[in-house]
């Protein structure tokens, strides 16, 4: 059986981020459309927007490189 303790507290609940209130929640308290996660800790849930922004920057850069390559500026001209 897999060890899932990194994502839970003593009661077996996981941390989520409520996108409507901007606050972390222990357990699935809010509707799924207002909840992101689960996160490894309360701190990670508190940093959810920061994590999303960092990932978006990485993905935007990957998309920019992909589009440049796809348009020929990143190919070897063959």
Protein backbone atom coordinates (compact mmCIF):
# COMPACT_ATOMS: atom_id res chain seq x y z
CA UNK A 1 0.00 0.00 0.00
CA UNK A 2 1.34 3.46 -0.93
CA UNK A 3 2.30 5.92 1.78
CA UNK A 4 0.12 9.02 1.33
CA UNK A 5 0.97 10.73 4.63
CA UNK A 6 2.74 13.65 2.94
CA UNK A 7 -0.63 14.93 1.67
CA UNK A 8 -2.63 14.45 4.84
CA UNK A 9 -2.89 15.43 8.48
CA UNK A 10 -3.56 13.07 11.39
CA UNK A 11 -7.23 12.81 10.41
CA UNK A 12 -6.43 11.73 6.85
CA UNK A 13 -7.68 14.99 5.32
CA UNK A 14 -5.80 16.80 2.56
CA UNK A 15 -5.18 20.53 2.06
CA UNK A 16 -7.00 22.43 -0.71
CA UNK A 17 -7.13 26.04 -1.85
CA UNK A 18 -10.50 27.77 -2.12
CA UNK A 19 -10.28 30.00 -5.21
CA UNK A 20 -13.38 31.99 -4.17
CA UNK A 21 -12.15 32.93 -0.69
CA UNK A 22 -8.40 32.74 -1.36
CA UNK A 23 -7.90 30.61 1.76
CA UNK A 24 -6.57 27.12 2.43
CA UNK A 25 -9.01 24.47 3.62
CA UNK A 26 -8.41 21.17 5.35
CA UNK A 27 -10.58 18.70 3.48
CA UNK A 28 -13.00 19.07 0.58
CA UNK A 29 -15.09 21.83 2.13
CA UNK A 30 -15.86 23.96 -0.92
CA UNK A 31 -17.48 22.92 -4.23
CA UNK A 32 -15.12 21.33 -6.75
CA UNK A 33 -15.35 24.40 -9.02
CA UNK A 34 -13.91 26.57 -6.23
CA UNK A 35 -11.24 24.16 -5.07
CA UNK A 36 -7.73 23.36 -6.24
CA UNK A 37 -5.47 20.70 -4.86
CA UNK A 38 -4.78 18.60 -2.99
CA UNK A 39 -1.56 20.13 -1.71
CA UNK A 40 1.14 18.54 0.44
CA UNK A 41 0.75 21.05 3.25
CA UNK A 42 -1.17 24.09 4.44
CA UNK A 43 1.77 26.24 3.28
CA UNK A 44 1.55 24.82 -0.26
CA UNK A 45 -2.21 25.46 -0.28
CA UNK A 46 -1.60 29.05 0.88
CA UNK A 47 0.89 29.46 -1.99
CA UNK A 48 -1.50 28.05 -4.61
CA UNK A 49 -1.74 31.27 -6.68
CA UNK A 50 2.04 31.66 -6.61
CA UNK A 51 2.46 28.07 -7.80
CA UNK A 52 -0.08 28.63 -10.60
CA UNK A 53 1.65 31.83 -11.73
CA UNK A 54 5.07 30.14 -11.78
CA UNK A 55 3.71 27.23 -13.83
CA UNK A 56 1.99 29.61 -16.24
CA UNK A 57 5.26 31.48 -16.84
CA UNK A 58 7.01 28.21 -17.63
CA UNK A 59 4.22 27.07 -19.95
CA UNK A 60 4.10 30.46 -21.71
CA UNK A 61 7.83 30.24 -22.39
CA UNK A 62 7.48 26.67 -23.65
CA UNK A 63 4.64 27.78 -25.93
CA UNK A 64 6.71 30.70 -27.23
CA UNK A 65 9.59 28.35 -28.08
CA UNK A 66 7.24 25.83 -29.67
CA UNK A 67 5.55 28.49 -31.80
CA UNK A 68 8.91 29.92 -32.88
CA UNK A 69 10.13 26.47 -33.89
CA UNK A 70 6.81 25.68 -35.58
CA UNK A 71 7.05 28.90 -37.64
CA UNK A 72 10.48 27.98 -38.93
CA UNK A 73 12.62 30.28 -36.85
CA UNK A 74 13.73 27.38 -34.69
CA UNK A 75 14.35 24.85 -37.45
CA UNK A 76 17.49 24.23 -39.48
CA UNK A 77 15.82 25.47 -42.69
CA UNK A 78 15.30 22.04 -44.30
